[in-house]
Amino acid sequence: MNPLEIYLQSGILESYIRGEIDPEKAHAVEQMADEHDSVRNKLDELSREIETAATAGAIHPPAYIKSMVMASVDYMQRMNEGELPSDPPALHENSKISDYDQWIHRKDFTRPEIVEGMHIRIIRQSQQITTAVVWMQEMTTEVHEREIEKFLIVEGSCEVAIGHNIHKLKAGDIMSIPTGIKHRAVSTSTLPCKIILQRIADFA
């Protein structure tokens, strides 16, 4: 076996790809790749293998996670810029749309022209409860292990699937979803369904 073959099979290229060698050895690998096509090709092959393995094992979070993360960033920025925390009432079976008028009609709480999935503007966020105005086109299947979810339909209509049961909701209707139950929702109105959403931590 020639020295180059021994080098290719030594494991140093794998260590280089994983970032497990010191800068001096890494520089030597890069020099070898510049001088030998076989080394450069082997590095390309190892990179593709790692990328393929990472993609295959990737966990794709539900689409609503991105919407909630973006909304949380927006909320923190508003607080940092001096907005005072709001105190929205808790949702219950007798809640009315008018209970949330001051947030529903906020000039900066507007729906984007295109809603992909959900658009969220948080009213108040804490460890115990998050309250938000949400424009929902579709909520993919989700399960909350430690949160009770409640929502009040403000505008439009939607269908909510809880387990095998389908609930048709319109403006003024309230839904509560306990922890550990699979559910999903889709707007059935021309425009995205507008809701007041509350997620309440369940420490039971």
N, C-alpha and C. Protein backbone atom coordinates (compact mmCIF):
# COMPACT_ATOMS: atom_id res chain seq x y z
N MET A 1 0.85 -1.19 0.00
CA MET A 1 0.00 0.00 0.00
C MET A 1 0.89 1.24 0.00
N ASN A 2 0.61 2.17 -0.91
CA ASN A 2 1.46 3.36 -0.99
C ASN A 2 1.13 4.35 0.13
N PRO A 3 2.05 5.28 0.41
CA PRO A 3 1.86 6.21 1.52
C PRO A 3 0.56 7.03 1.44
N LEU A 4 0.16 7.39 0.22
CA LEU A 4 -1.06 8.18 0.08
C LEU A 4 -2.29 7.36 0.49
N GLU A 5 -2.31 6.08 0.11
CA GLU A 5 -3.41 5.20 0.50
C GLU A 5 -3.46 5.05 2.02
N ILE A 6 -2.28 4.88 2.61
CA ILE A 6 -2.22 4.77 4.08
C ILE A 6 -2.78 6.04 4.72
N TYR A 7 -2.43 7.20 4.15
CA TYR A 7 -2.91 8.49 4.67
C TYR A 7 -4.44 8.57 4.58
N LEU A 8 -4.98 8.15 3.44
CA LEU A 8 -6.42 8.19 3.23
C LEU A 8 -7.18 7.31 4.22
N GLN A 9 -6.55 6.22 4.64
CA GLN A 9 -7.22 5.27 5.53
C GLN A 9 -6.83 5.45 7.00
N SER A 10 -6.07 6.48 7.28
CA SER A 10 -5.57 6.68 8.65
C SER A 10 -6.63 7.19 9.63
N GLY A 11 -7.69 7.77 9.09
CA GLY A 11 -8.73 8.35 9.95
C GLY A 11 -8.58 9.82 10.19
N ILE A 12 -7.46 10.40 9.72
CA ILE A 12 -7.23 11.83 9.98
C ILE A 12 -8.21 12.71 9.22
N LEU A 13 -8.64 12.24 8.03
CA LEU A 13 -9.60 13.05 7.26
C LEU A 13 -10.95 13.09 7.96
N GLU A 14 -11.36 11.95 8.53
CA GLU A 14 -12.61 11.93 9.29
C GLU A 14 -12.53 12.87 10.50
N SER A 15 -11.37 12.84 11.17
CA SER A 15 -11.19 13.72 12.33
C SER A 15 -11.20 15.18 11.91
N TYR A 16 -10.64 15.47 10.75
CA TYR A 16 -10.64 16.84 10.23
C TYR A 16 -12.07 17.32 9.97
N ILE A 17 -12.86 16.48 9.32
CA ILE A 17 -14.24 16.84 9.00
C ILE A 17 -15.04 17.10 10.26
N ARG A 18 -14.78 16.33 11.31
CA ARG A 18 -15.52 16.49 12.58
C ARG A 18 -14.94 17.60 13.46
N GLY A 19 -13.84 18.21 13.01
CA GLY A 19 -13.23 19.30 13.78
C GLY A 19 -12.52 18.83 15.03
N GLU A 20 -11.95 17.62 14.97
CA GLU A 20 -11.36 17.02 16.16
C GLU A 20 -9.83 17.06 16.17
N ILE A 21 -9.21 17.81 15.26
CA ILE A 21 -7.75 17.88 15.24
C ILE A 21 -7.32 19.33 15.45
N ASP A 22 -6.08 19.49 15.89
CA ASP A 22 -5.59 20.83 16.19
C ASP A 22 -5.31 21.60 14.90
N PRO A 23 -5.15 22.93 14.98
CA PRO A 23 -4.97 23.76 13.79
C PRO A 23 -3.77 23.36 12.93
N GLU A 24 -2.68 22.93 13.56
CA GLU A 24 -1.50 22.56 12.78
C GLU A 24 -1.78 21.34 11.89
N LYS A 25 -2.43 20.32 12.48
CA LYS A 25 -2.78 19.13 11.69
C LYS A 25 -3.83 19.45 10.64
N ALA A 26 -4.74 20.33 10.98
CA ALA A 26 -5.77 20.73 10.02
C ALA A 26 -5.15 21.42 8.82
N HIS A 27 -4.16 22.26 9.08
CA HIS A 27 -3.45 22.94 7.98
C HIS A 27 -2.75 21.93 7.09
N ALA A 28 -2.19 20.90 7.70
CA ALA A 28 -1.51 19.86 6.93
C ALA A 28 -2.49 19.10 6.04
N VAL A 29 -3.69 18.82 6.57
CA VAL A 29 -4.72 18.16 5.76
C VAL A 29 -5.11 19.03 4.57
N GLU A 30 -5.26 20.31 4.80
CA GLU A 30 -5.63 21.23 3.72
C GLU A 30 -4.55 21.31 2.65
N GLN A 31 -3.30 21.25 3.08
CA GLN A 31 -2.21 21.23 2.11
C GLN A 31 -2.25 19.95 1.27
N MET A 32 -2.49 18.83 1.92
CA MET A 32 -2.61 17.56 1.20
C MET A 32 -3.76 17.60 0.20
N ALA A 33 -4.86 18.22 0.58
CA ALA A 33 -6.01 18.32 -0.32
C ALA A 33 -5.69 19.19 -1.52
N ASP A 34 -4.85 20.23 -1.32
CA ASP A 34 -4.43 21.09 -2.44
C ASP A 34 -3.52 20.34 -3.41
N GLU A 35 -2.74 19.43 -2.86
CA GLU A 35 -1.73 18.74 -3.66
C GLU A 35 -2.23 17.44 -4.29
N HIS A 36 -3.28 16.83 -3.70
CA HIS A 36 -3.73 15.51 -4.16
C HIS A 36 -5.25 15.49 -4.37
N ASP A 37 -5.64 15.22 -5.60
CA ASP A 37 -7.07 15.14 -5.91
C ASP A 37 -7.78 14.07 -5.07
N SER A 38 -7.10 12.97 -4.81
CA SER A 38 -7.73 11.88 -4.06
C SER A 38 -8.07 12.31 -2.64
N VAL A 39 -7.23 13.15 -2.04
CA VAL A 39 -7.51 13.64 -0.69
C VAL A 39 -8.69 14.61 -0.72
N ARG A 40 -8.66 15.52 -1.69
CA ARG A 40 -9.76 16.48 -1.81
C ARG A 40 -11.09 15.76 -2.07
N ASN A 41 -11.06 14.75 -2.95
CA ASN A 41 -12.28 14.00 -3.25
C ASN A 41 -12.80 13.25 -2.02
N LYS A 42 -11.85 12.70 -1.24
CA LYS A 42 -12.24 11.98 -0.03
C LYS A 42 -12.90 12.92 0.99
N LEU A 43 -12.35 14.12 1.11
CA LEU A 43 -12.95 15.11 2.02
C LEU A 43 -14.36 15.49 1.56
N ASP A 44 -14.53 15.66 0.25
CA ASP A 44 -15.86 15.98 -0.28
C ASP A 44 -16.84 14.84 0.01
N GLU A 45 -16.38 13.62 -0.16
CA GLU A 45 -17.22 12.45 0.08
C GLU A 45 -17.63 12.37 1.55
N LEU A 46 -16.67 12.60 2.45
CA LEU A 46 -16.98 12.54 3.89
C LEU A 46 -17.95 13.65 4.28
N SER A 47 -17.79 14.83 3.69
CA SER A 47 -18.70 15.94 3.99
C SER A 47 -20.13 15.61 3.58
N ARG A 48 -20.27 15.00 2.41
CA ARG A 48 -21.60 14.62 1.93
C ARG A 48 -22.23 13.56 2.83
N GLU A 49 -21.41 12.60 3.27
CA GLU A 49 -21.92 11.55 4.15
C GLU A 49 -22.43 12.12 5.46
N ILE A 50 -21.68 13.06 6.04
CA ILE A 50 -22.09 13.67 7.30
C ILE A 50 -23.36 14.50 7.11
N GLU A 51 -23.42 15.23 6.00
CA GLU A 51 -24.60 16.04 5.73
C GLU A 51 -25.83 15.16 5.55
N THR A 52 -25.67 14.05 4.83
CA THR A 52 -26.79 13.13 4.62
C THR A 52 -27.26 12.53 5.94
N ALA A 53 -26.31 12.13 6.78
CA ALA A 53 -26.66 11.54 8.07
C ALA A 53 -27.37 12.56 8.96
N ALA A 54 -26.89 13.80 8.94
CA ALA A 54 -27.50 14.84 9.76
C ALA A 54 -28.91 15.14 9.30
N THR A 55 -29.12 15.18 7.98
CA THR A 55 -30.45 15.46 7.44
C THR A 55 -31.42 14.33 7.76
N ALA A 56 -30.93 13.08 7.64
CA ALA A 56 -31.79 11.92 7.90
C ALA A 56 -32.23 11.88 9.36
N GLY A 57 -31.36 12.33 10.26
CA GLY A 57 -31.68 12.27 11.69
C GLY A 57 -32.29 13.54 12.24
N ALA A 58 -32.52 14.51 11.35
CA ALA A 58 -33.03 15.79 11.82
C ALA A 58 -34.47 15.66 12.30
N ILE A 59 -34.79 16.37 13.36
CA ILE A 59 -36.16 16.42 13.88
C ILE A 59 -36.78 17.72 13.39
N HIS A 60 -37.85 17.62 12.63
CA HIS A 60 -38.50 18.81 12.09
C HIS A 60 -39.62 19.25 13.03
N PRO A 61 -39.45 20.39 13.68
CA PRO A 61 -40.48 20.83 14.63
C PRO A 61 -41.75 21.24 13.90
N PRO A 62 -42.89 21.21 14.60
CA PRO A 62 -44.13 21.67 13.98
C PRO A 62 -44.00 23.11 13.49
N ALA A 63 -44.74 23.45 12.43
CA ALA A 63 -44.62 24.77 11.82
C ALA A 63 -44.95 25.90 12.80
N TYR A 64 -45.88 25.62 13.75
CA TYR A 64 -46.27 26.70 14.67
C TYR A 64 -45.11 27.14 15.57
N ILE A 65 -44.10 26.27 15.75
CA ILE A 65 -42.96 26.63 16.60
C ILE A 65 -42.26 27.87 16.07
N LYS A 66 -42.04 27.92 14.76
CA LYS A 66 -41.38 29.08 14.16
C LYS A 66 -42.20 30.34 14.40
N SER A 67 -43.52 30.24 14.21
CA SER A 67 -44.39 31.40 14.42
C SER A 67 -44.32 31.89 15.86
N MET A 68 -44.31 30.94 16.82
CA MET A 68 -44.26 31.32 18.23
C MET A 68 -42.91 31.91 18.61
N VAL A 69 -41.83 31.36 18.06
CA VAL A 69 -40.50 31.89 18.34
C VAL A 69 -40.39 33.33 17.82
N MET A 70 -40.85 33.56 16.58
CA MET A 70 -40.80 34.90 16.01
C MET A 70 -41.65 35.88 16.83
N ALA A 71 -42.81 35.41 17.29
CA ALA A 71 -43.67 36.25 18.10
C ALA A 71 -43.03 36.58 19.45
N SER A 72 -42.32 35.61 20.03
CA SER A 72 -41.63 35.84 21.31
C SER A 72 -40.51 36.86 21.16
N VAL A 73 -39.79 36.77 20.06
CA VAL A 73 -38.72 37.75 19.78
C VAL A 73 -39.32 39.14 19.65
N ASP A 74 -40.42 39.24 18.91
CA ASP A 74 -41.10 40.53 18.74
C ASP A 74 -41.57 41.08 20.09
N TYR A 75 -42.13 40.21 20.92
CA TYR A 75 -42.64 40.63 22.23
C TYR A 75 -41.50 41.17 23.10
N MET A 76 -40.39 40.45 23.16
CA MET A 76 -39.25 40.89 23.97
C MET A 76 -38.70 42.22 23.46
N GLN A 77 -38.69 42.39 22.16
CA GLN A 77 -38.20 43.65 21.60
C GLN A 77 -39.12 44.80 22.00
N ARG A 78 -40.43 44.56 21.96
CA ARG A 78 -41.37 45.60 22.38
C ARG A 78 -41.18 45.95 23.84
N MET A 79 -40.97 44.95 24.70
CA MET A 79 -40.75 45.22 26.12
C MET A 79 -39.45 46.01 26.33
N ASN A 80 -38.40 45.64 25.58
CA ASN A 80 -37.11 46.34 25.70
C ASN A 80 -37.21 47.78 25.23
N GLU A 81 -38.15 48.04 24.34
CA GLU A 81 -38.32 49.40 23.82
C GLU A 81 -39.25 50.24 24.69
N GLY A 82 -39.71 49.65 25.81
CA GLY A 82 -40.47 50.44 26.77
C GLY A 82 -41.96 50.16 26.85
N GLU A 83 -42.47 49.20 26.07
CA GLU A 83 -43.89 48.87 26.18
C GLU A 83 -44.15 48.25 27.56
N LEU A 84 -45.21 48.71 28.21
CA LEU A 84 -45.55 48.18 29.53
C LEU A 84 -46.35 46.89 29.36
N PRO A 85 -46.13 45.91 30.25
CA PRO A 85 -46.88 44.65 30.16
C PRO A 85 -48.38 44.87 30.27
N SER A 86 -49.12 44.15 29.45
CA SER A 86 -50.58 44.18 29.52
C SER A 86 -51.07 43.15 30.53
N ASP A 87 -52.34 43.22 30.86
CA ASP A 87 -52.93 42.26 31.80
C ASP A 87 -54.25 41.75 31.23
N PRO A 88 -54.19 40.93 30.18
CA PRO A 88 -55.43 40.43 29.57
C PRO A 88 -56.15 39.47 30.50
N PRO A 89 -57.47 39.44 30.45
CA PRO A 89 -58.22 38.53 31.32
C PRO A 89 -58.06 37.08 30.89
N ALA A 90 -58.24 36.18 31.84
CA ALA A 90 -58.17 34.75 31.54
C ALA A 90 -59.40 34.35 30.72
N LEU A 91 -59.18 33.48 29.75
CA LEU A 91 -60.29 32.97 28.96
C LEU A 91 -61.10 31.96 29.78
N HIS A 92 -62.43 32.08 29.71
CA HIS A 92 -63.30 31.11 30.37
C HIS A 92 -64.56 30.96 29.53
N GLU A 93 -65.45 30.09 29.94
CA GLU A 93 -66.60 29.75 29.09
C GLU A 93 -67.52 30.92 28.82
N ASN A 94 -67.46 31.98 29.65
CA ASN A 94 -68.33 33.14 29.45
C ASN A 94 -67.59 34.34 28.87
N SER A 95 -66.35 34.14 28.44
CA SER A 95 -65.59 35.24 27.86
C SER A 95 -66.27 35.76 26.59
N LYS A 96 -66.11 37.08 26.35
CA LYS A 96 -66.68 37.71 25.16
C LYS A 96 -65.56 38.35 24.34
N ILE A 97 -65.81 38.49 23.07
CA ILE A 97 -64.83 39.13 22.19
C ILE A 97 -64.49 40.53 22.70
N SER A 98 -65.51 41.25 23.18
CA SER A 98 -65.30 42.63 23.64
C SER A 98 -64.34 42.71 24.83
N ASP A 99 -64.14 41.60 25.56
CA ASP A 99 -63.20 41.59 26.68
C ASP A 99 -61.77 41.89 26.22
N TYR A 100 -61.53 41.69 24.92
CA TYR A 100 -60.17 41.81 24.38
C TYR A 100 -60.07 42.91 23.33
N ASP A 101 -61.06 43.82 23.34
CA ASP A 101 -61.10 44.87 22.31
C ASP A 101 -59.82 45.69 22.23
N GLN A 102 -59.24 46.04 23.39
CA GLN A 102 -58.08 46.92 23.36
C GLN A 102 -56.87 46.29 22.67
N TRP A 103 -56.83 44.97 22.62
CA TRP A 103 -55.72 44.29 21.94
C TRP A 103 -56.11 43.91 20.51
N ILE A 104 -57.36 43.52 20.32
CA ILE A 104 -57.82 43.16 18.99
C ILE A 104 -57.66 44.33 18.02
N HIS A 105 -57.89 45.54 18.53
CA HIS A 105 -57.89 46.72 17.67
C HIS A 105 -56.60 47.53 17.76
N ARG A 106 -55.56 46.96 18.35
CA ARG A 106 -54.28 47.67 18.36
C ARG A 106 -53.79 47.92 16.94
N LYS A 107 -53.32 49.13 16.67
CA LYS A 107 -52.92 49.49 15.31
C LYS A 107 -51.72 48.69 14.84
N ASP A 108 -50.88 48.24 15.79
CA ASP A 108 -49.70 47.47 15.38
C ASP A 108 -49.97 45.96 15.39
N PHE A 109 -51.18 45.56 15.75
CA PHE A 109 -51.55 44.15 15.71
C PHE A 109 -52.36 43.92 14.44
N THR A 110 -51.67 43.82 13.32
CA THR A 110 -52.34 43.66 12.04
C THR A 110 -51.92 42.36 11.36
N ARG A 111 -52.77 41.89 10.52
CA ARG A 111 -52.51 40.64 9.78
C ARG A 111 -51.68 40.94 8.54
N PRO A 112 -50.61 40.17 8.30
CA PRO A 112 -49.87 40.34 7.06
C PRO A 112 -50.73 39.93 5.87
N GLU A 113 -50.37 40.38 4.69
CA GLU A 113 -51.17 40.08 3.50
C GLU A 113 -51.28 38.58 3.27
N ILE A 114 -50.18 37.87 3.52
CA ILE A 114 -50.17 36.42 3.34
C ILE A 114 -49.85 35.77 4.68
N VAL A 115 -50.70 34.85 5.11
CA VAL A 115 -50.45 34.09 6.35
C VAL A 115 -50.16 32.65 5.97
N GLU A 116 -48.97 32.21 6.28
CA GLU A 116 -48.60 30.81 6.04
C GLU A 116 -48.64 30.08 7.39
N GLY A 117 -49.67 29.31 7.59
CA GLY A 117 -49.82 28.65 8.88
C GLY A 117 -50.48 29.57 9.88
N MET A 118 -49.64 30.30 10.65
CA MET A 118 -50.17 31.22 11.65
C MET A 118 -49.31 32.47 11.72
N HIS A 119 -49.96 33.59 12.09
CA HIS A 119 -49.23 34.82 12.42
C HIS A 119 -49.65 35.20 13.83
N ILE A 120 -48.68 35.43 14.70
CA ILE A 120 -48.95 35.62 16.13
C ILE A 120 -48.40 36.95 16.62
N ARG A 121 -49.21 37.68 17.40
CA ARG A 121 -48.73 38.86 18.12
C ARG A 121 -49.07 38.62 19.60
N ILE A 122 -48.05 38.54 20.41
CA ILE A 122 -48.24 38.23 21.83
C ILE A 122 -48.70 39.46 22.60
N ILE A 123 -49.73 39.27 23.42
CA ILE A 123 -50.22 40.32 24.31
C ILE A 123 -49.43 40.31 25.62
N ARG A 124 -49.29 39.12 26.21
CA ARG A 124 -48.56 38.97 27.48
C ARG A 124 -47.96 37.57 27.51
N GLN A 125 -46.70 37.50 27.99
CA GLN A 125 -46.03 36.20 28.05
C GLN A 125 -45.32 36.07 29.40
N SER A 126 -45.56 34.94 30.06
CA SER A 126 -44.88 34.64 31.32
C SER A 126 -44.69 33.14 31.39
N GLN A 127 -44.07 32.67 32.46
CA GLN A 127 -43.89 31.23 32.63
C GLN A 127 -45.22 30.51 32.83
N GLN A 128 -46.21 31.24 33.36
CA GLN A 128 -47.49 30.61 33.67
C GLN A 128 -48.48 30.66 32.51
N ILE A 129 -48.47 31.76 31.77
CA ILE A 129 -49.51 31.94 30.75
C ILE A 129 -49.02 32.81 29.60
N THR A 130 -49.41 32.45 28.41
CA THR A 130 -49.16 33.27 27.22
C THR A 130 -50.50 33.57 26.57
N THR A 131 -50.73 34.85 26.31
CA THR A 131 -51.95 35.29 25.64
C THR A 131 -51.56 36.01 24.36
N ALA A 132 -52.23 35.69 23.27
CA ALA A 132 -51.85 36.27 21.98
C ALA A 132 -53.05 36.46 21.07
N VAL A 133 -52.90 37.40 20.14
CA VAL A 133 -53.82 37.51 19.01
C VAL A 133 -53.20 36.70 17.88
N VAL A 134 -53.98 35.81 17.29
CA VAL A 134 -53.45 34.90 16.27
C VAL A 134 -54.33 34.93 15.02
N TRP A 135 -53.67 35.01 13.87
CA TRP A 135 -54.37 34.81 12.60
C TRP A 135 -53.96 33.42 12.13
N MET A 136 -54.94 32.53 11.97
CA MET A 136 -54.64 31.14 11.71
C MET A 136 -55.21 30.70 10.36
N GLN A 137 -54.32 30.24 9.49
CA GLN A 137 -54.75 29.61 8.25
C GLN A 137 -54.83 28.10 8.47
N GLU A 138 -53.78 27.60 9.14
CA GLU A 138 -53.75 26.18 9.47
C GLU A 138 -52.84 25.95 10.67
N MET A 139 -53.27 25.13 11.58
CA MET A 139 -52.46 24.71 12.72
C MET A 139 -52.24 23.21 12.56
N THR A 140 -50.99 22.83 12.30
CA THR A 140 -50.70 21.42 12.09
C THR A 140 -50.87 20.65 13.40
N THR A 141 -50.94 19.33 13.29
CA THR A 141 -51.17 18.49 14.46
C THR A 141 -50.12 18.74 15.55
N GLU A 142 -50.59 18.95 16.76
CA GLU A 142 -49.69 19.19 17.89
C GLU A 142 -50.27 18.57 19.15
N VAL A 143 -49.39 18.39 20.12
CA VAL A 143 -49.78 17.89 21.44
C VAL A 143 -49.05 18.73 22.48
N HIS A 144 -49.76 19.26 23.44
CA HIS A 144 -49.13 20.02 24.52
C HIS A 144 -49.05 19.13 25.76
N GLU A 145 -47.83 18.82 26.16
CA GLU A 145 -47.65 17.94 27.32
C GLU A 145 -47.82 18.67 28.64
N ARG A 146 -47.55 19.97 28.67
CA ARG A 146 -47.62 20.70 29.94
C ARG A 146 -48.38 22.01 29.82
N GLU A 147 -49.25 22.11 28.81
CA GLU A 147 -50.02 23.33 28.62
C GLU A 147 -51.46 23.01 28.29
N ILE A 148 -52.35 23.78 28.88
CA ILE A 148 -53.76 23.77 28.48
C ILE A 148 -53.92 24.90 27.46
N GLU A 149 -54.57 24.60 26.35
CA GLU A 149 -54.75 25.61 25.31
C GLU A 149 -56.21 26.01 25.23
N LYS A 150 -56.45 27.32 25.22
CA LYS A 150 -57.80 27.85 25.09
C LYS A 150 -57.80 28.90 23.99
N PHE A 151 -58.90 28.97 23.25
CA PHE A 151 -58.98 30.06 22.28
C PHE A 151 -60.41 30.50 22.05
N LEU A 152 -60.53 31.77 21.71
CA LEU A 152 -61.79 32.44 21.44
C LEU A 152 -61.76 32.92 19.99
N ILE A 153 -62.74 32.52 19.20
CA ILE A 153 -62.79 32.94 17.80
C ILE A 153 -63.27 34.40 17.75
N VAL A 154 -62.47 35.24 17.11
CA VAL A 154 -62.79 36.66 17.00
C VAL A 154 -63.42 36.98 15.64
N GLU A 155 -62.81 36.49 14.58
CA GLU A 155 -63.33 36.71 13.23
C GLU A 155 -63.15 35.43 12.41
N GLY A 156 -64.06 35.19 11.48
CA GLY A 156 -63.93 34.05 10.61
C GLY A 156 -64.45 32.78 11.27
N SER A 157 -64.03 31.65 10.72
CA SER A 157 -64.47 30.36 11.23
C SER A 157 -63.37 29.34 11.01
N CYS A 158 -63.46 28.22 11.72
CA CYS A 158 -62.45 27.17 11.59
C CYS A 158 -63.02 25.83 12.01
N GLU A 159 -62.29 24.79 11.66
CA GLU A 159 -62.59 23.45 12.15
C GLU A 159 -61.43 22.99 13.00
N VAL A 160 -61.75 22.48 14.18
CA VAL A 160 -60.74 21.99 15.10
C VAL A 160 -60.95 20.49 15.28
N ALA A 161 -59.91 19.72 14.98
CA ALA A 161 -59.98 18.27 15.18
C ALA A 161 -59.29 17.93 16.48
N ILE A 162 -60.03 17.33 17.40
CA ILE A 162 -59.49 16.87 18.68
C ILE A 162 -59.71 15.37 18.73
N GLY A 163 -58.62 14.63 18.60
CA GLY A 163 -58.77 13.20 18.45
C GLY A 163 -59.50 12.91 17.14
N HIS A 164 -60.62 12.17 17.21
CA HIS A 164 -61.40 11.87 16.02
C HIS A 164 -62.61 12.79 15.88
N ASN A 165 -62.76 13.75 16.77
CA ASN A 165 -63.92 14.64 16.75
C ASN A 165 -63.60 15.96 16.06
N ILE A 166 -64.50 16.42 15.19
CA ILE A 166 -64.34 17.68 14.47
C ILE A 166 -65.31 18.70 15.06
N HIS A 167 -64.79 19.86 15.44
CA HIS A 167 -65.61 20.93 16.00
C HIS A 167 -65.59 22.11 15.03
N LYS A 168 -66.77 22.57 14.64
CA LYS A 168 -66.90 23.72 13.75
C LYS A 168 -67.13 24.96 14.60
N LEU A 169 -66.22 25.92 14.51
CA LEU A 169 -66.28 27.10 15.36
C LEU A 169 -66.43 28.37 14.54
N LYS A 170 -67.14 29.34 15.11
CA LYS A 170 -67.35 30.64 14.47
C LYS A 170 -67.08 31.73 15.51
N ALA A 171 -67.16 32.99 15.08
CA ALA A 171 -66.89 34.12 15.97
C ALA A 171 -67.71 34.03 17.25
N GLY A 172 -67.04 34.18 18.38
CA GLY A 172 -67.69 34.11 19.69
C GLY A 172 -67.55 32.76 20.36
N ASP A 173 -67.21 31.72 19.60
CA ASP A 173 -67.07 30.39 20.18
C ASP A 173 -65.75 30.25 20.93
N ILE A 174 -65.76 29.41 21.97
CA ILE A 174 -64.58 29.17 22.81
C ILE A 174 -64.29 27.68 22.83
N MET A 175 -63.02 27.34 22.77
CA MET A 175 -62.59 25.94 22.82
C MET A 175 -61.47 25.82 23.84
N SER A 176 -61.49 24.72 24.59
CA SER A 176 -60.42 24.42 25.54
C SER A 176 -59.88 23.03 25.24
N ILE A 177 -58.56 22.92 25.16
CA ILE A 177 -57.93 21.64 24.83
C ILE A 177 -57.00 21.25 25.97
N PRO A 178 -57.26 20.14 26.63
CA PRO A 178 -56.41 19.72 27.76
C PRO A 178 -55.05 19.21 27.30
N THR A 179 -54.18 18.98 28.24
CA THR A 179 -52.85 18.47 27.92
C THR A 179 -52.93 17.05 27.37
N GLY A 180 -51.92 16.72 26.56
CA GLY A 180 -51.78 15.35 26.09
C GLY A 180 -52.75 14.91 25.01
N ILE A 181 -53.49 15.83 24.41
CA ILE A 181 -54.47 15.48 23.38
C ILE A 181 -54.01 16.00 22.02
N LYS A 182 -53.94 15.12 21.02
CA LYS A 182 -53.60 15.56 19.67
C LYS A 182 -54.72 16.43 19.11
N HIS A 183 -54.32 17.53 18.47
CA HIS A 183 -55.32 18.40 17.87
C HIS A 183 -54.71 19.18 16.71
N ARG A 184 -55.57 19.62 15.84
CA ARG A 184 -55.16 20.45 14.72
C ARG A 184 -56.33 21.33 14.34
N ALA A 185 -56.06 22.37 13.54
CA ALA A 185 -57.13 23.28 13.15
C ALA A 185 -56.86 23.84 11.77
N VAL A 186 -57.94 24.21 11.09
CA VAL A 186 -57.81 24.83 9.77
C VAL A 186 -58.91 25.87 9.63
N SER A 187 -58.56 27.01 9.03
CA SER A 187 -59.54 28.06 8.80
C SER A 187 -60.51 27.62 7.71
N THR A 188 -61.79 27.90 7.91
CA THR A 188 -62.80 27.59 6.89
C THR A 188 -63.42 28.86 6.32
N SER A 189 -62.87 30.01 6.68
CA SER A 189 -63.35 31.28 6.16
C SER A 189 -62.44 31.77 5.05
N THR A 190 -62.90 32.76 4.31
CA THR A 190 -62.12 33.28 3.18
C THR A 190 -60.78 33.82 3.65
N LEU A 191 -60.80 34.56 4.75
CA LEU A 191 -59.57 35.10 5.33
C LEU A 191 -59.14 34.21 6.51
N PRO A 192 -57.88 34.29 6.91
CA PRO A 192 -57.44 33.51 8.08
C PRO A 192 -58.31 33.79 9.29
N CYS A 193 -58.58 32.75 10.06
CA CYS A 193 -59.39 32.87 11.27
C CYS A 193 -58.60 33.64 12.33
N LYS A 194 -59.23 34.66 12.91
CA LYS A 194 -58.57 35.47 13.94
C LYS A 194 -59.05 35.01 15.31
N ILE A 195 -58.11 34.74 16.22
CA ILE A 195 -58.47 34.20 17.53
C ILE A 195 -57.67 34.86 18.64
N ILE A 196 -58.22 34.78 19.83
CA ILE A 196 -57.45 35.06 21.05
C ILE A 196 -57.01 33.69 21.57
N LEU A 197 -55.73 33.52 21.72
CA LEU A 197 -55.16 32.24 22.16
C LEU A 197 -54.53 32.39 23.53
N GLN A 198 -54.79 31.43 24.40
CA GLN A 198 -54.10 31.37 25.69
C GLN A 198 -53.54 29.97 25.88
N ARG A 199 -52.28 29.92 26.31
CA ARG A 199 -51.66 28.66 26.71
C ARG A 199 -51.26 28.80 28.17
N ILE A 200 -51.80 27.91 28.98
CA ILE A 200 -51.64 27.99 30.43
C ILE A 200 -50.84 26.81 30.91
N ALA A 201 -49.76 27.06 31.65
CA ALA A 201 -48.92 25.99 32.16
C ALA A 201 -49.72 25.10 33.10
N ASP A 202 -49.58 23.81 32.90
CA ASP A 202 -50.29 22.84 33.75
C ASP A 202 -49.23 22.04 34.51
N PHE A 203 -49.05 22.36 35.79
CA PHE A 203 -48.01 21.73 36.60
C PHE A 203 -48.53 20.51 37.36
N ALA A 204 -49.76 20.12 37.06
CA ALA A 204 -50.37 18.99 37.78
C ALA A 204 -49.64 17.69 37.44
